[in-house]
Amino acid sequence: MKIYTKSGDRGTTSLVGGTRISKAELRIEAYGTVDELNAYIGLLGDFEVNTDKKALLKEIQDRLFTIGSILASEPEQTKKQIPDLHESDIEALEKAMDVMNEDLEPMRFFILPGGHQHVSFGHVARTVCRRAERQVVRLAEENDTDYLVIRYLNRLSDYLFILCRFMAKQLGVAEVAWKARV
């Protein structure tokens, strides 16, 4: 099977359902950003520090493929043949955050991203997640979009923030407080 079709050579792509739209459309930007996020989640799962989180990170990648499918579909197709999100997907993120939070000191300051390459990549994933969320919110303002997608992305960015703090602790890296210049 060839990976190239040449059908997008003029700057259009097909949605699930067959409608062709510009690759510059917000819908394409949104699911492209979700795809970018998925790649960063895969990277986080490859780090030894996250060995015990590999199963959840793979589950997150699966859910991001679901979100990409939802965003790449015409609304009438979404209800027919596209996998869907469940409230339990959000609850899984919340439970994982609660478990990690039990081992973390309460936050007393804003944290600067960094301190270790793994933590930095986690923060990149978090900011890509926030960008995807903003794009989906804009898309929802224009089209019929499942708000569970927005909720999932919102919770996922929270999860990634906690994961970064947890990785820093496991790696023995001090969190750097942001101190405003006065």
N, C-alpha and C. Protein backbone atom coordinates (compact mmCIF):
# COMPACT_ATOMS: atom_id res chain seq x y z
N MET A 1 0.85 -1.19 0.00
CA MET A 1 0.00 0.00 0.00
C MET A 1 0.89 1.25 0.00
N LYS A 2 0.61 2.14 -0.91
CA LYS A 2 1.35 3.39 -0.96
C LYS A 2 0.80 4.35 0.08
N ILE A 3 1.68 5.09 0.71
CA ILE A 3 1.27 6.07 1.71
C ILE A 3 0.84 7.38 1.05
N TYR A 4 1.34 7.62 -0.13
CA TYR A 4 0.99 8.87 -0.80
C TYR A 4 -0.15 8.65 -1.80
N THR A 5 -1.05 9.64 -1.82
CA THR A 5 -2.19 9.55 -2.73
C THR A 5 -2.18 10.67 -3.76
N LYS A 6 -1.43 11.71 -3.49
CA LYS A 6 -1.33 12.90 -4.32
C LYS A 6 -2.61 13.74 -4.32
N SER A 7 -3.64 13.28 -3.59
CA SER A 7 -4.91 14.02 -3.59
C SER A 7 -4.82 15.32 -2.79
N GLY A 8 -3.81 15.46 -1.97
CA GLY A 8 -3.65 16.70 -1.19
C GLY A 8 -2.64 17.65 -1.77
N ASP A 9 -2.18 17.38 -2.97
CA ASP A 9 -1.13 18.20 -3.57
C ASP A 9 -1.57 19.63 -3.86
N ARG A 10 -2.84 19.88 -3.87
CA ARG A 10 -3.33 21.24 -4.13
C ARG A 10 -3.81 21.93 -2.84
N GLY A 11 -3.46 21.32 -1.70
CA GLY A 11 -3.76 21.98 -0.43
C GLY A 11 -5.10 21.64 0.18
N THR A 12 -5.70 20.55 -0.26
CA THR A 12 -6.95 20.12 0.36
C THR A 12 -6.78 18.71 0.92
N THR A 13 -7.69 18.35 1.80
CA THR A 13 -7.70 17.01 2.38
C THR A 13 -9.15 16.59 2.58
N SER A 14 -9.36 15.31 2.80
CA SER A 14 -10.72 14.79 2.98
C SER A 14 -11.01 14.56 4.45
N LEU A 15 -12.21 14.92 4.85
CA LEU A 15 -12.72 14.55 6.16
C LEU A 15 -13.27 13.14 6.07
N VAL A 16 -13.43 12.49 7.24
CA VAL A 16 -14.13 11.22 7.25
C VAL A 16 -15.55 11.53 6.78
N GLY A 17 -15.97 10.90 5.74
CA GLY A 17 -17.26 11.20 5.12
C GLY A 17 -17.06 11.70 3.70
N GLY A 18 -15.81 12.13 3.37
CA GLY A 18 -15.50 12.46 1.99
C GLY A 18 -15.41 13.92 1.63
N THR A 19 -15.95 14.82 2.43
CA THR A 19 -15.88 16.25 2.09
C THR A 19 -14.43 16.71 2.06
N ARG A 20 -14.07 17.41 0.99
CA ARG A 20 -12.72 17.96 0.87
C ARG A 20 -12.73 19.39 1.38
N ILE A 21 -11.70 19.69 2.20
CA ILE A 21 -11.56 21.05 2.72
C ILE A 21 -10.09 21.46 2.67
N SER A 22 -9.86 22.75 2.81
CA SER A 22 -8.50 23.29 2.80
C SER A 22 -7.71 22.78 4.00
N LYS A 23 -6.44 22.50 3.76
CA LYS A 23 -5.57 22.10 4.86
C LYS A 23 -5.30 23.24 5.83
N ALA A 24 -5.71 24.44 5.46
CA ALA A 24 -5.55 25.60 6.32
C ALA A 24 -6.75 25.81 7.25
N GLU A 25 -7.79 24.98 7.13
CA GLU A 25 -8.98 25.11 7.97
C GLU A 25 -8.64 24.85 9.43
N LEU A 26 -9.37 25.50 10.33
CA LEU A 26 -9.17 25.34 11.76
C LEU A 26 -9.32 23.87 12.19
N ARG A 27 -10.26 23.16 11.61
CA ARG A 27 -10.46 21.75 11.94
C ARG A 27 -9.17 20.94 11.69
N ILE A 28 -8.51 21.21 10.58
CA ILE A 28 -7.28 20.49 10.24
C ILE A 28 -6.16 20.91 11.20
N GLU A 29 -6.11 22.19 11.50
CA GLU A 29 -5.12 22.69 12.47
C GLU A 29 -5.32 22.03 13.83
N ALA A 30 -6.57 21.88 14.24
CA ALA A 30 -6.87 21.28 15.56
C ALA A 30 -6.44 19.82 15.61
N TYR A 31 -6.83 19.02 14.61
CA TYR A 31 -6.44 17.62 14.72
C TYR A 31 -4.97 17.40 14.39
N GLY A 32 -4.37 18.32 13.65
CA GLY A 32 -2.92 18.26 13.45
C GLY A 32 -2.17 18.52 14.75
N THR A 33 -2.68 19.44 15.56
CA THR A 33 -2.07 19.74 16.85
C THR A 33 -2.27 18.58 17.81
N VAL A 34 -3.41 17.92 17.74
CA VAL A 34 -3.63 16.72 18.56
C VAL A 34 -2.64 15.63 18.15
N ASP A 35 -2.36 15.51 16.87
CA ASP A 35 -1.37 14.55 16.39
C ASP A 35 0.02 14.89 16.92
N GLU A 36 0.37 16.18 16.90
CA GLU A 36 1.65 16.63 17.45
C GLU A 36 1.74 16.27 18.93
N LEU A 37 0.66 16.53 19.66
CA LEU A 37 0.61 16.18 21.08
C LEU A 37 0.81 14.68 21.28
N ASN A 38 0.18 13.88 20.44
CA ASN A 38 0.30 12.44 20.53
C ASN A 38 1.76 12.00 20.41
N ALA A 39 2.51 12.65 19.52
CA ALA A 39 3.93 12.32 19.36
C ALA A 39 4.70 12.64 20.65
N TYR A 40 4.39 13.76 21.28
CA TYR A 40 5.07 14.11 22.54
C TYR A 40 4.69 13.15 23.66
N ILE A 41 3.45 12.70 23.68
CA ILE A 41 3.05 11.71 24.70
C ILE A 41 3.83 10.42 24.49
N GLY A 42 4.01 10.03 23.24
CA GLY A 42 4.84 8.85 22.94
C GLY A 42 6.26 9.03 23.45
N LEU A 43 6.81 10.21 23.28
CA LEU A 43 8.15 10.51 23.77
C LEU A 43 8.20 10.39 25.30
N LEU A 44 7.22 10.93 25.98
CA LEU A 44 7.17 10.84 27.44
C LEU A 44 7.11 9.37 27.89
N GLY A 45 6.37 8.56 27.16
CA GLY A 45 6.26 7.15 27.49
C GLY A 45 7.56 6.38 27.29
N ASP A 46 8.44 6.92 26.45
CA ASP A 46 9.72 6.27 26.20
C ASP A 46 10.76 6.54 27.28
N PHE A 47 10.51 7.52 28.14
CA PHE A 47 11.47 7.85 29.19
C PHE A 47 11.38 6.83 30.31
N GLU A 48 12.53 6.37 30.77
CA GLU A 48 12.59 5.38 31.83
C GLU A 48 11.87 5.85 33.09
N VAL A 49 11.90 7.13 33.36
CA VAL A 49 11.26 7.67 34.56
C VAL A 49 9.75 7.42 34.54
N ASN A 50 9.19 7.19 33.36
CA ASN A 50 7.74 6.97 33.22
C ASN A 50 7.38 5.51 32.96
N THR A 51 8.27 4.59 33.26
CA THR A 51 8.01 3.17 33.01
C THR A 51 6.69 2.73 33.64
N ASP A 52 6.44 3.17 34.86
CA ASP A 52 5.21 2.76 35.56
C ASP A 52 3.97 3.48 35.03
N LYS A 53 4.15 4.46 34.17
CA LYS A 53 3.02 5.20 33.59
C LYS A 53 2.82 4.88 32.12
N LYS A 54 3.61 3.96 31.61
CA LYS A 54 3.58 3.65 30.17
C LYS A 54 2.19 3.20 29.71
N ALA A 55 1.50 2.40 30.51
CA ALA A 55 0.16 1.92 30.10
C ALA A 55 -0.82 3.08 30.01
N LEU A 56 -0.79 3.99 30.98
CA LEU A 56 -1.71 5.14 30.93
C LEU A 56 -1.33 6.06 29.78
N LEU A 57 -0.05 6.27 29.55
CA LEU A 57 0.37 7.14 28.44
C LEU A 57 -0.05 6.54 27.10
N LYS A 58 0.00 5.22 26.96
CA LYS A 58 -0.49 4.59 25.74
C LYS A 58 -2.00 4.78 25.62
N GLU A 59 -2.72 4.66 26.75
CA GLU A 59 -4.17 4.88 26.74
C GLU A 59 -4.48 6.32 26.31
N ILE A 60 -3.69 7.26 26.80
CA ILE A 60 -3.86 8.66 26.40
C ILE A 60 -3.64 8.79 24.89
N GLN A 61 -2.61 8.12 24.36
CA GLN A 61 -2.39 8.17 22.92
C GLN A 61 -3.59 7.60 22.16
N ASP A 62 -4.15 6.52 22.66
CA ASP A 62 -5.36 5.96 22.04
C ASP A 62 -6.50 6.97 22.05
N ARG A 63 -6.68 7.65 23.17
CA ARG A 63 -7.75 8.64 23.27
C ARG A 63 -7.49 9.82 22.33
N LEU A 64 -6.22 10.18 22.16
CA LEU A 64 -5.90 11.28 21.23
C LEU A 64 -6.19 10.87 19.79
N PHE A 65 -6.00 9.60 19.45
CA PHE A 65 -6.41 9.13 18.12
C PHE A 65 -7.93 9.22 17.98
N THR A 66 -8.64 8.89 19.05
CA THR A 66 -10.10 9.03 19.04
C THR A 66 -10.48 10.48 18.80
N ILE A 67 -9.84 11.39 19.52
CA ILE A 67 -10.13 12.83 19.37
C ILE A 67 -9.81 13.27 17.95
N GLY A 68 -8.68 12.83 17.42
CA GLY A 68 -8.34 13.17 16.03
C GLY A 68 -9.39 12.67 15.07
N SER A 69 -9.91 11.47 15.30
CA SER A 69 -10.97 10.92 14.44
C SER A 69 -12.24 11.74 14.53
N ILE A 70 -12.58 12.14 15.75
CA ILE A 70 -13.78 12.97 15.95
C ILE A 70 -13.63 14.29 15.21
N LEU A 71 -12.47 14.92 15.36
CA LEU A 71 -12.24 16.22 14.73
C LEU A 71 -12.13 16.11 13.21
N ALA A 72 -11.69 14.97 12.71
CA ALA A 72 -11.53 14.78 11.26
C ALA A 72 -12.81 14.31 10.59
N SER A 73 -13.90 14.25 11.34
CA SER A 73 -15.16 13.72 10.81
C SER A 73 -16.20 14.81 10.66
N GLU A 74 -17.01 14.62 9.64
CA GLU A 74 -18.20 15.45 9.53
C GLU A 74 -19.12 15.08 10.68
N PRO A 75 -19.84 16.04 11.28
CA PRO A 75 -20.65 15.75 12.47
C PRO A 75 -21.57 14.54 12.34
N GLU A 76 -22.17 14.34 11.19
CA GLU A 76 -23.08 13.19 11.04
C GLU A 76 -22.31 11.86 11.02
N GLN A 77 -21.03 11.89 10.66
CA GLN A 77 -20.21 10.68 10.67
C GLN A 77 -19.78 10.30 12.07
N THR A 78 -19.59 11.30 12.93
CA THR A 78 -19.09 11.06 14.28
C THR A 78 -19.98 10.08 15.02
N LYS A 79 -21.28 10.18 14.85
CA LYS A 79 -22.20 9.32 15.57
C LYS A 79 -22.29 7.92 14.96
N LYS A 80 -21.79 7.74 13.74
CA LYS A 80 -21.94 6.46 13.05
C LYS A 80 -20.79 5.50 13.31
N GLN A 81 -19.57 5.87 12.92
CA GLN A 81 -18.50 4.89 12.87
C GLN A 81 -17.22 5.32 13.59
N ILE A 82 -17.27 6.39 14.31
CA ILE A 82 -16.08 6.92 14.97
C ILE A 82 -16.10 6.52 16.44
N PRO A 83 -14.94 6.08 16.97
CA PRO A 83 -14.90 5.79 18.41
C PRO A 83 -15.25 7.04 19.21
N ASP A 84 -15.69 6.85 20.42
CA ASP A 84 -16.06 8.03 21.21
C ASP A 84 -15.32 8.06 22.53
N LEU A 85 -15.36 9.23 23.14
CA LEU A 85 -14.79 9.42 24.47
C LEU A 85 -15.86 9.11 25.50
N HIS A 86 -15.40 8.79 26.70
CA HIS A 86 -16.32 8.52 27.80
C HIS A 86 -15.91 9.35 29.01
N GLU A 87 -16.84 9.61 29.86
CA GLU A 87 -16.56 10.30 31.11
C GLU A 87 -15.46 9.57 31.89
N SER A 88 -15.42 8.26 31.78
CA SER A 88 -14.41 7.47 32.49
C SER A 88 -13.00 7.78 32.00
N ASP A 89 -12.84 8.26 30.76
CA ASP A 89 -11.52 8.66 30.27
C ASP A 89 -10.99 9.86 31.05
N ILE A 90 -11.88 10.79 31.35
CA ILE A 90 -11.50 11.96 32.15
C ILE A 90 -11.23 11.54 33.59
N GLU A 91 -12.07 10.67 34.12
CA GLU A 91 -11.89 10.19 35.49
C GLU A 91 -10.56 9.46 35.66
N ALA A 92 -10.11 8.75 34.64
CA ALA A 92 -8.82 8.05 34.72
C ALA A 92 -7.67 9.04 34.89
N LEU A 93 -7.75 10.16 34.17
CA LEU A 93 -6.73 11.21 34.32
C LEU A 93 -6.77 11.80 35.72
N GLU A 94 -7.98 12.05 36.23
CA GLU A 94 -8.13 12.64 37.56
C GLU A 94 -7.57 11.71 38.63
N LYS A 95 -7.86 10.42 38.52
CA LYS A 95 -7.35 9.45 39.50
C LYS A 95 -5.82 9.39 39.46
N ALA A 96 -5.26 9.41 38.27
CA ALA A 96 -3.81 9.38 38.14
C ALA A 96 -3.18 10.63 38.76
N MET A 97 -3.81 11.78 38.56
CA MET A 97 -3.31 13.01 39.17
C MET A 97 -3.38 12.94 40.69
N ASP A 98 -4.49 12.42 41.21
CA ASP A 98 -4.65 12.31 42.66
C ASP A 98 -3.56 11.43 43.27
N VAL A 99 -3.23 10.33 42.60
CA VAL A 99 -2.19 9.43 43.10
C VAL A 99 -0.84 10.14 43.12
N MET A 100 -0.48 10.82 42.02
CA MET A 100 0.80 11.53 41.98
C MET A 100 0.85 12.66 42.99
N ASN A 101 -0.27 13.38 43.13
CA ASN A 101 -0.32 14.52 44.05
C ASN A 101 -0.06 14.13 45.50
N GLU A 102 -0.39 12.90 45.86
CA GLU A 102 -0.16 12.44 47.23
C GLU A 102 1.32 12.49 47.60
N ASP A 103 2.20 12.36 46.62
CA ASP A 103 3.64 12.36 46.87
C ASP A 103 4.31 13.71 46.59
N LEU A 104 3.53 14.71 46.24
CA LEU A 104 4.10 16.01 45.91
C LEU A 104 3.83 17.03 47.02
N GLU A 105 4.77 17.94 47.17
CA GLU A 105 4.57 19.06 48.09
C GLU A 105 3.52 19.99 47.48
N PRO A 106 2.72 20.63 48.33
CA PRO A 106 1.77 21.60 47.78
C PRO A 106 2.51 22.72 47.04
N MET A 107 1.90 23.21 45.99
CA MET A 107 2.52 24.30 45.24
C MET A 107 2.42 25.59 46.04
N ARG A 108 3.54 26.29 46.13
CA ARG A 108 3.57 27.57 46.83
C ARG A 108 4.03 28.70 45.92
N PHE A 109 4.30 28.37 44.65
CA PHE A 109 4.81 29.35 43.71
C PHE A 109 4.57 28.84 42.29
N PHE A 110 4.66 29.76 41.32
CA PHE A 110 4.63 29.34 39.92
C PHE A 110 5.96 28.65 39.61
N ILE A 111 5.90 27.64 38.79
CA ILE A 111 7.07 26.83 38.48
C ILE A 111 7.54 27.14 37.05
N LEU A 112 8.84 27.39 36.92
CA LEU A 112 9.41 27.57 35.60
C LEU A 112 9.65 26.19 34.98
N PRO A 113 9.24 25.99 33.73
CA PRO A 113 9.49 24.71 33.07
C PRO A 113 11.00 24.47 32.96
N GLY A 114 11.41 23.24 33.18
CA GLY A 114 12.82 22.90 33.01
C GLY A 114 13.37 22.14 34.19
N GLY A 115 14.69 22.09 34.25
CA GLY A 115 15.39 21.40 35.31
C GLY A 115 15.95 20.07 34.87
N HIS A 116 15.29 19.46 33.92
CA HIS A 116 15.75 18.18 33.35
C HIS A 116 15.08 18.04 31.99
N GLN A 117 15.77 17.44 31.06
CA GLN A 117 15.25 17.32 29.70
C GLN A 117 13.89 16.62 29.67
N HIS A 118 13.69 15.60 30.49
CA HIS A 118 12.41 14.88 30.51
C HIS A 118 11.29 15.80 30.97
N VAL A 119 11.56 16.57 32.00
CA VAL A 119 10.57 17.51 32.53
C VAL A 119 10.25 18.57 31.48
N SER A 120 11.29 19.06 30.81
CA SER A 120 11.09 20.08 29.77
C SER A 120 10.21 19.56 28.64
N PHE A 121 10.45 18.31 28.20
CA PHE A 121 9.61 17.73 27.15
C PHE A 121 8.17 17.58 27.64
N GLY A 122 8.00 17.27 28.93
CA GLY A 122 6.66 17.19 29.50
C GLY A 122 5.94 18.53 29.43
N HIS A 123 6.66 19.59 29.70
CA HIS A 123 6.05 20.92 29.62
C HIS A 123 5.76 21.32 28.18
N VAL A 124 6.59 20.89 27.24
CA VAL A 124 6.28 21.13 25.83
C VAL A 124 4.97 20.42 25.48
N ALA A 125 4.83 19.17 25.92
CA ALA A 125 3.58 18.42 25.67
C ALA A 125 2.40 19.16 26.28
N ARG A 126 2.57 19.68 27.50
CA ARG A 126 1.49 20.41 28.18
C ARG A 126 1.07 21.64 27.37
N THR A 127 2.05 22.38 26.85
CA THR A 127 1.70 23.60 26.11
C THR A 127 1.08 23.27 24.75
N VAL A 128 1.52 22.19 24.12
CA VAL A 128 0.88 21.75 22.87
C VAL A 128 -0.56 21.33 23.16
N CYS A 129 -0.78 20.67 24.29
CA CYS A 129 -2.13 20.28 24.69
C CYS A 129 -3.01 21.50 24.87
N ARG A 130 -2.49 22.54 25.51
CA ARG A 130 -3.27 23.78 25.69
C ARG A 130 -3.60 24.42 24.35
N ARG A 131 -2.64 24.38 23.41
CA ARG A 131 -2.91 24.94 22.08
C ARG A 131 -4.01 24.15 21.39
N ALA A 132 -3.94 22.83 21.48
CA ALA A 132 -4.99 21.99 20.89
C ALA A 132 -6.34 22.33 21.52
N GLU A 133 -6.36 22.49 22.82
CA GLU A 133 -7.61 22.84 23.51
C GLU A 133 -8.17 24.17 23.00
N ARG A 134 -7.30 25.18 22.86
CA ARG A 134 -7.78 26.48 22.36
C ARG A 134 -8.35 26.36 20.96
N GLN A 135 -7.69 25.56 20.12
CA GLN A 135 -8.17 25.38 18.75
C GLN A 135 -9.52 24.67 18.73
N VAL A 136 -9.68 23.67 19.57
CA VAL A 136 -10.96 22.95 19.62
C VAL A 136 -12.06 23.85 20.18
N VAL A 137 -11.74 24.69 21.13
CA VAL A 137 -12.72 25.65 21.65
C VAL A 137 -13.18 26.57 20.53
N ARG A 138 -12.23 27.09 19.74
CA ARG A 138 -12.60 27.96 18.61
C ARG A 138 -13.45 27.18 17.60
N LEU A 139 -13.08 25.94 17.35
CA LEU A 139 -13.85 25.11 16.43
C LEU A 139 -15.27 24.90 16.96
N ALA A 140 -15.40 24.67 18.25
CA ALA A 140 -16.72 24.46 18.86
C ALA A 140 -17.58 25.71 18.76
N GLU A 141 -16.96 26.87 18.75
CA GLU A 141 -17.71 28.11 18.60
C GLU A 141 -18.31 28.24 17.20
N GLU A 142 -17.70 27.56 16.23
CA GLU A 142 -18.15 27.63 14.83
C GLU A 142 -18.97 26.42 14.39
N ASN A 143 -18.73 25.27 15.02
CA ASN A 143 -19.32 24.01 14.57
C ASN A 143 -19.84 23.22 15.75
N ASP A 144 -20.57 22.18 15.43
CA ASP A 144 -21.04 21.25 16.45
C ASP A 144 -19.87 20.35 16.84
N THR A 145 -19.30 20.58 18.03
CA THR A 145 -18.15 19.81 18.50
C THR A 145 -18.48 19.22 19.86
N ASP A 146 -18.10 17.98 20.07
CA ASP A 146 -18.33 17.29 21.33
C ASP A 146 -17.53 17.96 22.44
N TYR A 147 -18.22 18.51 23.44
CA TYR A 147 -17.54 19.22 24.53
C TYR A 147 -16.74 18.27 25.41
N LEU A 148 -16.97 16.98 25.32
CA LEU A 148 -16.15 16.02 26.04
C LEU A 148 -14.70 16.08 25.54
N VAL A 149 -14.52 16.42 24.27
CA VAL A 149 -13.17 16.58 23.71
C VAL A 149 -12.47 17.73 24.42
N ILE A 150 -13.15 18.84 24.59
CA ILE A 150 -12.56 20.00 25.27
C ILE A 150 -12.24 19.66 26.72
N ARG A 151 -13.16 18.99 27.38
CA ARG A 151 -12.93 18.61 28.78
C ARG A 151 -11.74 17.67 28.90
N TYR A 152 -11.64 16.72 27.99
CA TYR A 152 -10.53 15.77 28.04
C TYR A 152 -9.20 16.51 27.86
N LEU A 153 -9.12 17.38 26.87
CA LEU A 153 -7.87 18.11 26.63
C LEU A 153 -7.53 19.01 27.81
N ASN A 154 -8.53 19.62 28.41
CA ASN A 154 -8.30 20.46 29.58
C ASN A 154 -7.71 19.63 30.72
N ARG A 155 -8.31 18.49 30.98
CA ARG A 155 -7.84 17.63 32.06
C ARG A 155 -6.48 17.04 31.73
N LEU A 156 -6.25 16.73 30.46
CA LEU A 156 -4.96 16.19 30.06
C LEU A 156 -3.84 17.19 30.30
N SER A 157 -4.08 18.45 30.04
CA SER A 157 -3.02 19.44 30.30
C SER A 157 -2.74 19.52 31.79
N ASP A 158 -3.78 19.39 32.62
CA ASP A 158 -3.56 19.34 34.07
C ASP A 158 -2.73 18.11 34.45
N TYR A 159 -3.07 16.96 33.86
CA TYR A 159 -2.34 15.73 34.11
C TYR A 159 -0.86 15.92 33.74
N LEU A 160 -0.60 16.51 32.59
CA LEU A 160 0.77 16.69 32.14
C LEU A 160 1.55 17.61 33.08
N PHE A 161 0.90 18.61 33.63
CA PHE A 161 1.56 19.49 34.60
C PHE A 161 1.96 18.70 35.84
N ILE A 162 1.03 17.92 36.36
CA ILE A 162 1.32 17.10 37.54
C ILE A 162 2.40 16.06 37.21
N LEU A 163 2.32 15.47 36.02
CA LEU A 163 3.34 14.51 35.61
C LEU A 163 4.72 15.15 35.60
N CYS A 164 4.82 16.38 35.13
CA CYS A 164 6.11 17.09 35.12
C CYS A 164 6.63 17.27 36.54
N ARG A 165 5.75 17.67 37.44
CA ARG A 165 6.17 17.83 38.83
C ARG A 165 6.62 16.49 39.42
N PHE A 166 5.88 15.45 39.09
CA PHE A 166 6.20 14.11 39.61
C PHE A 166 7.52 13.61 39.02
N MET A 167 7.73 13.83 37.72
CA MET A 167 9.01 13.42 37.12
C MET A 167 10.16 14.16 37.79
N ALA A 168 9.99 15.45 38.02
CA ALA A 168 11.05 16.24 38.67
C ALA A 168 11.40 15.62 40.03
N LYS A 169 10.37 15.24 40.77
CA LYS A 169 10.63 14.63 42.08
C LYS A 169 11.36 13.31 41.92
N GLN A 170 10.89 12.47 41.01
CA GLN A 170 11.53 11.16 40.81
C GLN A 170 12.98 11.30 40.33
N LEU A 171 13.24 12.33 39.55
CA LEU A 171 14.59 12.56 39.01
C LEU A 171 15.48 13.32 39.98
N GLY A 172 14.92 13.76 41.11
CA GLY A 172 15.69 14.51 42.09
C GLY A 172 16.00 15.93 41.66
N VAL A 173 15.12 16.49 40.83
CA VAL A 173 15.33 17.84 40.30
C VAL A 173 14.47 18.82 41.09
N ALA A 174 15.07 19.89 41.57
CA ALA A 174 14.31 20.91 42.29
C ALA A 174 13.46 21.71 41.33
N GLU A 175 12.24 21.99 41.74
CA GLU A 175 11.38 22.87 40.94
C GLU A 175 11.87 24.30 41.13
N VAL A 176 11.97 25.02 40.04
CA VAL A 176 12.47 26.38 40.09
C VAL A 176 11.28 27.34 40.18
N ALA A 177 11.27 28.11 41.24
CA ALA A 177 10.19 29.08 41.45
C ALA A 177 10.39 30.27 40.52
N TRP A 178 9.28 30.73 39.96
CA TRP A 178 9.33 31.97 39.20
C TRP A 178 9.26 33.11 40.20
N LYS A 179 10.19 34.02 40.09
CA LYS A 179 10.21 35.20 40.94
C LYS A 179 10.12 36.42 40.06
N ALA A 180 9.04 37.12 40.20
CA ALA A 180 8.81 38.30 39.37
C ALA A 180 9.85 39.37 39.66
N ARG A 181 10.30 40.00 38.63
CA ARG A 181 11.24 41.11 38.79
C ARG A 181 10.48 42.30 39.29
N VAL A 182 11.00 42.92 40.28
CA VAL A 182 10.32 44.11 40.84
C VAL A 182 11.14 45.35 40.64
